[in-house]
């Protein structure tokens, strides 16, 4: 079952995807509300959805194509309190990702830290059930204010060197009132990073991740995370410029899902009741690794089988500027 979040003239709604239509739900204005209600009612998320179905149907195509009064929102968010939505990710989880990273940093080292990090995952990233394995690379992207929806531009800020897609699956989690992480589901994501800035020095990795990103258009609440094939592509002026087949899921990763989740939620401050977490699980290929520099208006597309319609976002470059941010005393 897949859900979307919508904004219309009368406000926000959640809908079930029933191709080629969307069936609206009542008694919830967001996926966050729906998940919180399921916890409060002590029922499964699927049960909560079934109990909120209405007879209201919308045609999906015009909404998806941006030709409707309704428009898609990120597939999960915390609109009332974006600062309580933590957007993070795990890197070097796929063999292709370490090859791309090595290509950026190999000149400085014979055996790169990226290779060492990936190899540690191969050796200890899939521990026995109930045990903790080696920690993966972890990064912070920002609060919920960095989330963008299908069709919205991803921004290259005025101070940035570049911007490029990172096609991934992201997990969506709500922390319950006892401080236990509860997985709501999985969604297609474009993690979007500044690879040119990172290439200058590996220590710029953290700040290269502080960019907008997108998730959606659909959230799967019952998808399997085993073998997930897909495709990433870039269009320029309406023509396909580049594409690559990609694969993700546990069968293509050096870390198990449980190990990634443990190392994110082992921190007490990542288990604050009521907080929402969006966590990216890593990319297998991206256009920067193929030597492509994205331009204004290029459209990035990410598709994964059984995760609904593709996620599409144009790239927008702000006017470059070297003007410093001035801090003032109170």
Protein backbone atom coordinates (compact mmCIF):
# COMPACT_ATOMS: atom_id res chain seq x y z
CA UNK A 1 0.00 0.00 0.00
CA UNK A 2 1.29 3.42 -0.99
CA UNK A 3 0.25 6.84 0.32
CA UNK A 4 0.70 10.41 -0.88
CA UNK A 5 0.38 13.74 0.90
CA UNK A 6 -1.54 16.47 -0.91
CA UNK A 7 -2.23 20.16 -0.55
CA UNK A 8 -5.46 21.59 -1.93
CA UNK A 9 -7.57 24.72 -1.54
CA UNK A 10 -9.20 23.27 1.57
CA UNK A 11 -5.92 22.19 3.16
CA UNK A 12 -3.79 19.09 3.45
CA UNK A 13 -4.98 15.53 2.84
CA UNK A 14 -3.57 12.01 2.73
CA UNK A 15 -4.59 9.61 -0.04
CA UNK A 16 -4.10 5.97 -1.02
CA UNK A 17 -2.67 5.32 -4.47
CA UNK A 18 -5.21 3.30 -6.48
CA UNK A 19 -3.88 3.80 -10.00
CA UNK A 20 -4.90 5.82 -11.93
CA UNK A 21 -6.67 7.53 -9.02
CA UNK A 22 -6.05 8.64 -5.47
CA UNK A 23 -8.54 7.78 -2.71
CA UNK A 24 -8.66 10.43 -0.01
CA UNK A 25 -8.57 9.54 3.69
CA UNK A 26 -10.42 11.38 6.44
CA UNK A 27 -9.47 12.14 10.05
CA UNK A 28 -5.83 12.80 9.16
CA UNK A 29 -4.12 15.68 7.37
CA UNK A 30 -0.66 14.12 7.19
CA UNK A 31 1.19 10.82 7.34
CA UNK A 32 2.49 12.01 10.72
CA UNK A 33 -1.10 12.37 12.01
CA UNK A 34 -2.00 8.97 10.60
CA UNK A 35 0.95 7.21 12.25
CA UNK A 36 0.35 8.97 15.57
CA UNK A 37 -3.31 7.93 15.46
CA UNK A 38 -2.36 4.31 14.79
CA UNK A 39 -0.11 4.35 17.85
CA UNK A 40 -2.77 6.03 19.98
CA UNK A 41 -5.43 3.53 18.86
CA UNK A 42 -3.00 0.60 19.28
CA UNK A 43 -3.64 -0.65 15.73
CA UNK A 44 -1.40 -1.28 12.73
CA UNK A 45 -0.87 1.48 10.22
CA UNK A 46 -2.69 -0.60 7.59
CA UNK A 47 -5.68 -0.91 9.92
CA UNK A 48 -5.66 2.85 10.55
CA UNK A 49 -5.67 3.49 6.80
CA UNK A 50 -8.53 1.07 6.14
CA UNK A 51 -10.65 2.77 8.78
CA UNK A 52 -10.17 6.20 7.16
CA UNK A 53 -11.02 5.47 3.52
CA UNK A 54 -13.56 7.74 1.87
CA UNK A 55 -15.43 7.64 -1.44
CA UNK A 56 -13.55 10.74 -2.64
CA UNK A 57 -11.40 9.98 -5.68
CA UNK A 58 -8.97 12.22 -7.55
CA UNK A 59 -7.33 11.67 -10.93
CA UNK A 60 -3.64 11.12 -10.25
CA UNK A 61 -2.17 12.14 -13.63
CA UNK A 62 -2.91 15.90 -13.52
CA UNK A 63 -1.71 16.10 -9.91
CA UNK A 64 1.50 14.23 -10.70
CA UNK A 65 2.09 16.39 -13.78
CA UNK A 66 1.48 19.68 -11.94
CA UNK A 67 -1.74 20.44 -13.83
CA UNK A 68 -4.20 20.45 -10.92
CA UNK A 69 -5.29 22.67 -8.06
CA UNK A 70 -4.00 19.84 -5.87
CA UNK A 71 -0.24 19.43 -5.58
CA UNK A 72 1.96 16.77 -4.08
CA UNK A 73 3.87 17.33 -0.85
CA UNK A 74 6.92 15.41 0.38
CA UNK A 75 5.76 11.85 1.11
CA UNK A 76 6.32 12.49 4.84
CA UNK A 77 6.99 15.60 6.91
CA UNK A 78 6.27 17.35 10.21
CA UNK A 79 4.65 20.53 8.88
CA UNK A 80 3.70 21.89 12.31
CA UNK A 81 7.25 21.59 13.64
CA UNK A 82 9.90 21.13 10.90
CA UNK A 83 12.67 21.47 13.49
CA UNK A 84 11.44 18.20 15.02
CA UNK A 85 12.06 16.34 11.77
CA UNK A 86 15.65 15.11 11.49
CA UNK A 87 16.91 14.40 7.95
CA UNK A 88 20.00 12.17 7.88
CA UNK A 89 21.67 9.46 5.86
CA UNK A 90 24.13 6.60 5.69
CA UNK A 91 26.88 6.51 3.07
CA UNK A 92 29.26 3.93 1.59
CA UNK A 93 26.63 1.21 1.89
CA UNK A 94 26.82 0.17 -1.79
CA UNK A 95 29.85 -1.04 -3.76
CA UNK A 96 29.18 1.51 -6.51
CA UNK A 97 29.17 4.32 -3.96
CA UNK A 98 32.68 3.51 -2.73
CA UNK A 99 33.91 3.33 -6.34
CA UNK A 100 32.51 6.81 -7.01
CA UNK A 101 33.94 8.16 -3.77
CA UNK A 102 37.35 6.60 -4.49
CA UNK A 103 37.38 8.26 -7.90
CA UNK A 104 37.08 11.62 -6.15
CA UNK A 105 39.71 11.02 -3.46
CA UNK A 106 42.10 8.34 -4.72
CA UNK A 107 44.76 10.83 -5.76
CA UNK A 108 45.48 11.62 -2.13
CA UNK A 109 45.65 8.08 -0.77
CA UNK A 110 46.63 4.64 -2.05
CA UNK A 111 43.90 2.98 0.01
CA UNK A 112 41.23 5.58 0.73
CA UNK A 113 39.26 6.00 3.92
CA UNK A 114 36.17 5.35 1.78
CA UNK A 115 37.48 1.90 0.86
CA UNK A 116 38.33 1.17 4.49
CA UNK A 117 34.86 2.26 5.59
CA UNK A 118 33.14 0.13 2.97
CA UNK A 119 35.33 -2.89 3.73
CA UNK A 120 34.51 -2.62 7.43
CA UNK A 121 30.85 -2.83 6.43
CA UNK A 122 31.51 -5.92 4.31
CA UNK A 123 33.22 -7.57 7.27
CA UNK A 124 30.88 -6.46 10.07
CA UNK A 125 27.83 -4.66 8.69
CA UNK A 126 25.44 -7.62 8.81
CA UNK A 127 25.64 -9.02 12.35
CA UNK A 128 23.48 -11.80 13.75
CA UNK A 129 19.93 -10.74 14.71
CA UNK A 130 19.90 -8.79 17.94
CA UNK A 131 23.59 -7.93 17.79
CA UNK A 132 25.23 -4.63 16.83
CA UNK A 133 27.66 -4.63 13.93
CA UNK A 134 30.21 -2.09 12.79
CA UNK A 135 29.00 1.49 12.44
CA UNK A 136 28.35 2.84 8.93
CA UNK A 137 29.23 6.34 7.75
CA UNK A 138 26.53 8.75 9.01
CA UNK A 139 25.70 12.29 7.94
CA UNK A 140 23.22 15.07 8.74
CA UNK A 141 21.31 16.90 6.01
CA UNK A 142 19.18 19.29 8.02
CA UNK A 143 15.79 19.71 9.63
CA UNK A 144 12.49 19.08 7.88
CA UNK A 145 12.81 22.48 6.20
CA UNK A 146 15.19 20.93 3.61
CA UNK A 147 12.55 18.49 2.30
CA UNK A 148 11.13 19.04 -1.17
CA UNK A 149 8.30 17.30 -3.01
CA UNK A 150 8.07 15.68 -6.43
CA UNK A 151 8.24 18.44 -9.04
CA UNK A 152 9.86 21.02 -6.78
CA UNK A 153 13.35 22.29 -7.60
CA UNK A 154 16.42 21.19 -5.66
CA UNK A 155 18.63 24.19 -5.01
CA UNK A 156 22.30 24.84 -5.62
CA UNK A 157 22.84 27.69 -3.11
CA UNK A 158 24.69 30.89 -3.98
CA UNK A 159 27.78 29.73 -2.05
CA UNK A 160 27.84 26.17 -3.46
CA UNK A 161 30.13 24.70 -6.11
CA UNK A 162 27.65 22.27 -7.61
CA UNK A 163 24.64 20.05 -7.01
CA UNK A 164 23.93 16.51 -8.12
CA UNK A 165 21.38 13.77 -7.60
CA UNK A 166 21.83 10.78 -5.30
CA UNK A 167 19.10 8.19 -5.98
CA UNK A 168 18.17 6.36 -2.79
CA UNK A 169 15.47 4.80 -0.68
CA UNK A 170 14.73 6.60 2.59
CA UNK A 171 13.13 5.24 5.73
CA UNK A 172 10.50 7.25 7.60
CA UNK A 173 10.24 6.86 11.38
CA UNK A 174 8.14 8.23 14.23
CA UNK A 175 9.38 8.03 17.82
CA UNK A 176 6.54 6.79 20.03
CA UNK A 177 5.74 8.10 23.51
CA UNK A 178 7.97 5.44 25.10
CA UNK A 179 10.95 6.56 23.01
CA UNK A 180 10.86 3.57 20.66
CA UNK A 181 11.53 4.20 16.94
CA UNK A 182 8.57 3.06 14.80
CA UNK A 183 9.12 2.62 11.07
CA UNK A 184 6.24 4.13 9.07
CA UNK A 185 7.55 3.00 5.68
CA UNK A 186 9.97 3.56 2.81
CA UNK A 187 10.01 6.16 0.04
CA UNK A 188 12.01 7.07 -3.04
CA UNK A 189 14.50 9.83 -2.34
CA UNK A 190 16.95 12.14 -4.07
CA UNK A 191 19.51 12.94 -1.39
CA UNK A 192 21.23 15.65 -3.52
CA UNK A 193 24.74 16.77 -2.61
CA UNK A 194 27.57 19.06 -3.67
CA UNK A 195 30.08 16.58 -5.09
CA UNK A 196 32.44 19.24 -6.48
CA UNK A 197 32.83 20.77 -3.02
CA UNK A 198 33.37 17.35 -1.44
CA UNK A 199 35.99 16.43 -4.05
CA UNK A 200 38.20 19.30 -2.90
CA UNK A 201 38.76 17.58 0.44
CA UNK A 202 37.16 14.58 2.10
CA UNK A 203 36.66 16.67 5.25
CA UNK A 204 34.14 18.77 3.32
CA UNK A 205 31.80 15.77 3.12
CA UNK A 206 29.69 16.89 6.10
CA UNK A 207 28.95 20.36 4.74
CA UNK A 208 28.49 19.07 1.17
CA UNK A 209 25.41 17.22 2.48
CA UNK A 210 23.73 20.33 3.91
CA UNK A 211 21.42 20.83 0.94
CA UNK A 212 17.77 20.45 0.00
CA UNK A 213 16.60 16.93 -0.87
CA UNK A 214 13.40 15.31 -2.06
CA UNK A 215 11.26 12.34 -1.09
CA UNK A 216 8.20 10.89 -2.76
CA UNK A 217 5.92 11.11 -4.50
CA UNK A 218 4.68 7.98 -2.69
CA UNK A 219 5.32 6.35 0.68
CA UNK A 220 5.13 2.56 0.81
CA UNK A 221 3.98 1.28 4.20
CA UNK A 222 4.42 -2.42 3.46
CA UNK A 223 7.33 -2.66 0.97
CA UNK A 224 10.10 -5.22 1.37
CA UNK A 225 13.69 -4.01 1.63
CA UNK A 226 15.46 -6.97 0.06
CA UNK A 227 16.25 -6.55 -3.64
CA UNK A 228 15.12 -3.24 -5.16
CA UNK A 229 16.06 -2.52 -8.79
CA UNK A 230 15.53 0.89 -10.36
CA UNK A 231 16.86 3.58 -12.65
CA UNK A 232 18.23 7.08 -12.30
CA UNK A 233 18.30 9.53 -15.19
CA UNK A 234 18.90 13.17 -16.09
CA UNK A 235 16.97 15.09 -18.75
CA UNK A 236 18.15 18.28 -20.42
CA UNK A 237 15.84 20.33 -22.63
CA UNK A 238 13.33 17.48 -22.68
CA UNK A 239 15.85 14.87 -23.85
CA UNK A 240 17.46 12.11 -21.81
CA UNK A 241 21.08 13.12 -21.19
CA UNK A 242 22.19 10.19 -19.03
CA UNK A 243 20.73 7.18 -17.27
CA UNK A 244 21.88 4.20 -15.26
CA UNK A 245 20.29 1.09 -13.84
CA UNK A 246 20.59 0.99 -10.06
CA UNK A 247 19.91 -1.49 -7.30
CA UNK A 248 19.45 -1.03 -3.59
CA UNK A 249 17.99 -2.94 -0.66
CA UNK A 250 19.77 -5.21 1.82
CA UNK A 251 20.87 -7.69 -0.86
CA UNK A 252 22.90 -4.90 -2.51
CA UNK A 253 24.29 -3.34 0.65
CA UNK A 254 27.14 -4.15 3.03
CA UNK A 255 25.02 -3.22 6.06
CA UNK A 256 21.75 -4.75 7.15
CA UNK A 257 18.76 -2.50 7.64
CA UNK A 258 18.69 -3.43 11.33
CA UNK A 259 22.35 -2.41 11.76
CA UNK A 260 21.82 0.95 10.04
CA UNK A 261 18.76 1.62 12.18
CA UNK A 262 20.58 0.63 15.38
CA UNK A 263 23.48 2.97 14.74
CA UNK A 264 21.14 5.87 14.02
CA UNK A 265 18.79 5.35 16.93
CA UNK A 266 21.38 4.26 19.52
CA UNK A 267 21.73 7.93 20.48
CA UNK A 268 19.27 8.98 23.18
CA UNK A 269 18.65 12.33 21.48
CA UNK A 270 17.51 10.47 18.34
CA UNK A 271 14.71 8.87 20.36
CA UNK A 272 12.76 11.89 21.53
CA UNK A 273 9.00 11.10 21.68
CA UNK A 274 7.07 12.71 18.85
CA UNK A 275 10.06 13.39 16.58
CA UNK A 276 10.02 12.34 12.92
CA UNK A 277 13.13 10.95 11.19
CA UNK A 278 13.88 10.71 7.46
CA UNK A 279 16.97 8.55 6.85
CA UNK A 280 18.58 7.93 3.45
CA UNK A 281 20.18 4.51 2.98
CA UNK A 282 22.79 5.25 0.30
CA UNK A 283 23.15 5.47 -3.46
CA UNK A 284 24.51 3.04 -6.03
CA UNK A 285 25.12 5.46 -8.92
CA UNK A 286 24.88 9.14 -9.77
CA UNK A 287 25.62 11.30 -12.80
CA UNK A 288 28.59 13.11 -11.23
CA UNK A 289 30.41 9.78 -11.16
CA UNK A 290 29.91 9.65 -14.94
CA UNK A 291 31.50 13.07 -15.37
CA UNK A 292 28.26 15.04 -15.86
CA UNK A 293 27.81 18.54 -14.44
CA UNK A 294 24.14 19.41 -14.04
CA UNK A 295 22.83 22.68 -15.40
CA UNK A 296 19.94 24.99 -14.55
CA UNK A 297 16.65 23.29 -15.44
CA UNK A 298 18.03 19.74 -15.77
CA UNK A 299 15.48 17.26 -14.45
CA UNK A 300 16.65 14.46 -12.17
CA UNK A 301 14.47 11.33 -12.07
CA UNK A 302 14.64 8.41 -9.65
CA UNK A 303 12.55 5.26 -10.04
CA UNK A 304 12.48 2.05 -7.99
CA UNK A 305 10.30 -0.96 -8.76
CA UNK A 306 7.25 -1.36 -6.50
CA UNK A 307 7.70 2.12 -5.01
CA UNK A 308 5.22 3.93 -7.24
CA UNK A 309 5.69 6.69 -9.75
CA UNK A 310 9.15 8.19 -10.33
CA UNK A 311 10.41 11.13 -8.30
CA UNK A 312 11.28 14.07 -10.58
CA UNK A 313 12.95 17.33 -9.58
CA UNK A 314 14.48 20.13 -11.66
CA UNK A 315 17.76 21.68 -10.59
CA UNK A 316 17.85 25.38 -9.75
CA UNK A 317 21.08 27.35 -9.38
CA UNK A 318 21.03 30.49 -7.32
CA UNK A 319 23.15 33.40 -8.51
CA UNK A 320 26.68 32.83 -7.16
CA UNK A 321 27.69 35.19 -4.40
CA UNK A 322 30.69 35.66 -2.12
CA UNK A 323 28.86 38.02 0.22
CA UNK A 324 29.37 36.99 3.84
CA UNK A 325 26.59 36.50 6.36
CA UNK A 326 26.92 39.29 8.93
CA UNK A 327 26.21 38.45 12.55
CA UNK A 328 24.85 41.22 14.76
CA UNK A 329 24.92 41.54 18.52
CA UNK A 330 21.68 41.63 20.48
